[in-house]
Protein backbone atom coordinates (compact mmCIF):
# COMPACT_ATOMS: atom_id res chain seq x y z
CA UNK A 1 0.00 0.00 0.00
CA UNK A 2 0.98 3.55 -0.53
CA UNK A 3 1.85 5.75 2.50
CA UNK A 4 -0.77 8.53 2.58
CA UNK A 5 -3.50 6.20 1.34
CA UNK A 6 -6.48 5.43 3.59
CA UNK A 7 -7.62 2.14 5.04
CA UNK A 8 -11.19 1.19 6.12
CA UNK A 9 -11.30 -1.74 8.54
CA UNK A 10 -14.70 -3.37 8.89
CA UNK A 11 -14.92 -5.93 11.71
CA UNK A 12 -18.16 -7.82 12.10
CA UNK A 13 -19.94 -10.74 13.75
CA UNK A 14 -22.57 -12.36 11.50
CA UNK A 15 -25.96 -13.64 12.48
CA UNK A 16 -27.01 -17.05 11.10
CA UNK A 17 -29.67 -15.42 8.93
CA UNK A 18 -29.74 -15.75 5.11
CA UNK A 19 -26.23 -16.95 4.52
CA UNK A 20 -26.87 -17.38 0.78
CA UNK A 21 -28.14 -13.85 0.45
CA UNK A 22 -25.17 -12.51 2.38
CA UNK A 23 -22.60 -14.29 0.19
CA UNK A 24 -24.21 -12.99 -2.94
CA UNK A 25 -24.39 -9.43 -1.60
CA UNK A 26 -20.78 -9.54 -0.34
CA UNK A 27 -19.57 -10.62 -3.79
CA UNK A 28 -21.56 -7.88 -5.45
CA UNK A 29 -20.25 -5.19 -3.05
CA UNK A 30 -16.67 -6.31 -3.74
CA UNK A 31 -17.26 -5.96 -7.45
CA UNK A 32 -18.78 -2.51 -6.99
CA UNK A 33 -16.02 -1.34 -4.65
CA UNK A 34 -13.33 -2.46 -7.15
CA UNK A 35 -14.97 -0.33 -9.79
CA UNK A 36 -14.94 2.84 -7.68
CA UNK A 37 -12.54 5.69 -8.38
CA UNK A 38 -9.79 5.63 -5.75
CA UNK A 39 -10.13 1.97 -4.85
CA UNK A 40 -6.68 0.39 -4.24
CA UNK A 41 -7.36 -3.08 -2.83
CA UNK A 42 -9.21 -5.32 -0.45
CA UNK A 43 -8.55 -8.22 1.91
CA UNK A 44 -11.14 -10.28 3.81
CA UNK A 45 -11.31 -13.17 6.24
CA UNK A 46 -14.12 -14.83 8.22
CA UNK A 47 -13.99 -17.46 10.97
CA UNK A 48 -16.28 -20.46 11.29
CA UNK A 49 -17.92 -18.61 14.21
CA UNK A 50 -19.04 -15.74 11.97
CA UNK A 51 -16.40 -13.22 12.99
CA UNK A 52 -14.94 -11.34 10.06
CA UNK A 53 -12.65 -8.55 8.99
CA UNK A 54 -12.54 -6.72 5.68
CA UNK A 55 -9.80 -4.17 5.01
CA UNK A 56 -10.23 -1.83 2.05
CA UNK A 57 -7.51 0.55 0.80
CA UNK A 58 -8.43 3.89 -0.83
CA UNK A 59 -6.52 6.76 -2.37
CA UNK A 60 -8.34 9.43 -0.39
CA UNK A 61 -10.94 10.25 2.24
CA UNK A 62 -13.12 11.60 -0.60
CA UNK A 63 -13.05 8.21 -2.30
CA UNK A 64 -14.20 6.58 0.90
CA UNK A 65 -17.05 9.07 1.25
CA UNK A 66 -18.16 8.49 -2.34
CA UNK A 67 -18.21 4.72 -1.71
CA UNK A 68 -20.22 5.20 1.45
CA UNK A 69 -22.83 7.22 -0.46
CA UNK A 70 -23.13 4.69 -3.27
CA UNK A 71 -26.85 3.74 -3.53
CA UNK A 72 -26.30 -0.05 -3.82
CA UNK A 73 -23.75 0.04 -0.98
CA UNK A 74 -26.17 1.98 1.21
CA UNK A 75 -28.89 -0.60 0.56
CA UNK A 76 -26.47 -3.43 1.48
CA UNK A 77 -25.53 -1.60 4.66
CA UNK A 78 -29.19 -1.32 5.66
CA UNK A 79 -29.77 -5.02 4.99
CA UNK A 80 -26.65 -5.78 7.02
CA UNK A 81 -27.98 -3.86 10.03
CA UNK A 82 -31.43 -5.47 9.73
CA UNK A 83 -30.40 -9.07 8.95
CA UNK A 84 -26.78 -10.13 8.61
CA UNK A 85 -24.79 -8.49 11.44
CA UNK A 86 -24.92 -9.10 15.16
CA UNK A 87 -22.25 -6.46 15.66
CA UNK A 88 -19.89 -4.43 13.50
CA UNK A 89 -17.32 -1.64 13.83
CA UNK A 90 -15.69 0.55 11.19
CA UNK A 91 -12.31 2.20 11.57
CA UNK A 92 -10.85 4.60 9.02
CA UNK A 93 -7.16 5.46 9.22
CA UNK A 94 -4.37 6.89 7.11
CA UNK A 95 -1.50 4.58 6.11
CA UNK A 96 1.73 5.85 7.66
CA UNK A 97 3.93 2.93 6.74
CA UNK A 98 3.59 -0.42 4.94
CA UNK A 99 6.00 -3.27 4.45
CA UNK A 100 5.68 -6.92 3.57
CA UNK A 101 7.62 -10.17 3.50
CA UNK A 102 7.32 -12.43 0.46
CA UNK A 103 8.90 -15.91 0.61
CA UNK A 104 10.74 -16.76 -2.59
């Protein structure tokens, strides 16, 4: 990631409701996010107990705001609050440093 970029960390605990609908919507939201101006990347993981984390990287705070206002994303958020999430938290931060190790 690029220092100065932004990161959105979404940590959630799922309900057991409508797993098929959730998977479909999550896939659709990933496709939409990747098409947004300013999108840099995404990583996700979910445990067998329904705990999950999604990390999205963005060029700017404005790009994050535009994604938050996307009509389809807003509808998915509403459905998430009503059906799919027991709890969730969102953290937005600026990337100060990034490094990685890649095994040859």
